[in-house]
Protein backbone atom coordinates (compact mmCIF):
# COMPACT_ATOMS: atom_id res chain seq x y z
CA MET A 1 0.00 0.00 0.00
CA GLY A 2 1.27 3.44 -0.70
CA VAL A 3 1.56 6.13 1.92
CA VAL A 4 -0.11 9.41 1.05
CA GLY A 5 0.24 12.97 2.33
CA GLY A 6 0.11 14.22 5.88
CA GLY A 7 -1.16 12.04 8.67
CA GLY A 8 0.05 8.85 7.01
CA ALA A 9 -3.27 8.04 5.33
CA LEU A 10 -3.04 4.91 3.23
CA ARG A 11 -4.05 4.61 -0.38
CA PRO A 12 -4.05 1.15 -1.94
CA ASP A 13 -2.00 0.72 -5.11
CA GLY A 14 -3.93 -2.32 -6.25
CA PRO A 15 -7.43 -3.81 -6.06
CA VAL A 16 -8.88 -4.22 -2.58
CA VAL A 17 -10.83 -7.09 -0.99
CA TRP A 18 -12.44 -7.49 2.43
CA LEU A 19 -10.26 -10.08 4.16
CA THR A 20 -11.70 -12.12 7.02
CA LEU A 21 -8.91 -13.02 9.45
CA PRO A 22 -8.86 -16.36 11.28
CA ASP A 23 -10.26 -14.69 14.44
CA GLY A 24 -13.22 -13.24 12.51
CA GLN A 25 -11.97 -9.65 12.15
CA VAL A 26 -12.55 -8.13 8.72
CA VAL A 27 -9.93 -5.78 7.27
CA SER A 28 -9.25 -4.32 3.85
CA ALA A 29 -6.35 -5.87 1.94
CA VAL A 30 -4.71 -5.29 -1.42
CA VAL A 31 -4.67 -8.29 -3.78
CA ARG A 32 -1.14 -8.93 -5.09
CA ALA A 33 -1.61 -12.30 -6.84
CA ARG A 34 -3.95 -15.26 -7.11
CA ARG A 35 -3.25 -18.91 -7.62
CA ARG A 36 -5.42 -21.92 -8.45
CA GLU A 37 -4.50 -24.92 -6.30
CA PRO A 38 -6.02 -28.40 -6.47
CA GLY A 39 -8.33 -27.48 -3.54
CA GLY A 40 -9.39 -24.05 -4.80
CA TRP A 41 -8.22 -20.46 -5.27
CA TRP A 42 -5.75 -18.64 -2.99
CA TYR A 43 -4.98 -14.92 -2.91
CA ALA A 44 -1.74 -13.19 -1.93
CA VAL A 45 -3.04 -10.24 0.05
CA GLU A 46 -1.22 -7.32 1.66
CA VAL A 47 -2.36 -5.71 4.89
CA PRO A 48 -0.77 -2.66 6.53
CA LEU A 49 0.67 -3.24 10.00
CA TRP A 50 2.19 -0.77 12.41
CA ALA A 51 5.96 -0.43 12.47
CA ARG A 52 8.37 1.30 14.80
CA VAL A 53 10.54 3.55 12.62
CA GLU A 54 13.70 5.14 13.98
CA LEU A 55 14.65 8.29 12.09
CA ALA A 56 18.23 9.40 11.39
CA ASP A 57 17.99 11.99 14.17
CA GLY A 58 17.08 9.29 16.71
CA ARG A 59 13.37 10.05 16.94
CA VAL A 60 10.98 7.11 16.84
CA VAL A 61 7.76 7.47 14.88
CA ALA A 62 4.90 5.22 13.84
CA GLY A 63 5.20 3.86 10.32
CA VAL A 64 3.67 1.18 8.15
CA ASP A 65 5.09 -2.27 7.48
CA PRO A 66 2.95 -4.09 4.89
CA ALA A 67 2.61 -7.84 5.48
CA VAL A 68 1.77 -10.27 2.68
CA CYS A 69 0.13 -13.65 3.27
CA TRP A 70 -1.76 -16.25 1.24
CA ALA A 71 -5.46 -16.48 2.13
CA PRO A 72 -8.11 -18.86 0.82
CA ALA A 73 -10.58 -17.30 -1.60
CA THR A 74 -13.36 -18.02 0.89
CA ALA A 75 -11.76 -15.43 3.22
CA CYS A 76 -11.64 -12.74 0.50
CA GLU A 77 -14.77 -10.81 -0.42
CA PRO A 78 -14.59 -8.68 -3.57
CA VAL A 79 -15.26 -4.97 -3.17
CA GLU A 80 -17.81 -3.49 -5.55
CA GLY A 81 -16.16 -1.31 -8.20
CA GLU A 82 -12.68 -2.86 -7.89
CA ASP A 83 -11.04 -4.21 -11.05
CA TYR A 84 -9.22 -7.52 -10.48
CA SER A 85 -8.43 -8.18 -14.15
CA ALA A 86 -4.77 -7.09 -13.86
CA VAL A 87 -3.97 -9.24 -10.79
CA PRO A 88 -1.21 -11.74 -11.69
CA THR A 89 -2.88 -15.15 -11.92
CA GLU A 90 -1.29 -18.60 -11.74
CA ARG A 91 -3.34 -21.49 -13.02
CA PRO A 92 -2.60 -25.18 -12.49
CA ARG A 93 -0.11 -26.75 -14.83
CA ARG A 94 -1.33 -29.38 -17.21
CA GLY A 95 -2.12 -32.55 -15.28
CA GLN A 96 -2.99 -30.68 -12.03
CA ARG A 97 -6.55 -29.99 -10.97
């Protein structure tokens, strides 16, 4: 995700989905890739996490450290109006299902 202007507001630089985490929380995530596995589709999604950033002058400020993980498609809900057509897609090789 890209950082924008003052206040550290985030602006996604890719299509967004609603990602349901294992504990039931729902967060927005940027889709980075998708892959078809024998058991179904998986999405590489990026979520922004807090980071401790030490500046050159020694000050410590809050920053963003994006984390990428693979989530099952069942945990990813498309967001109306998002275009997923440019997401890199891996399909099974011949002989895989």
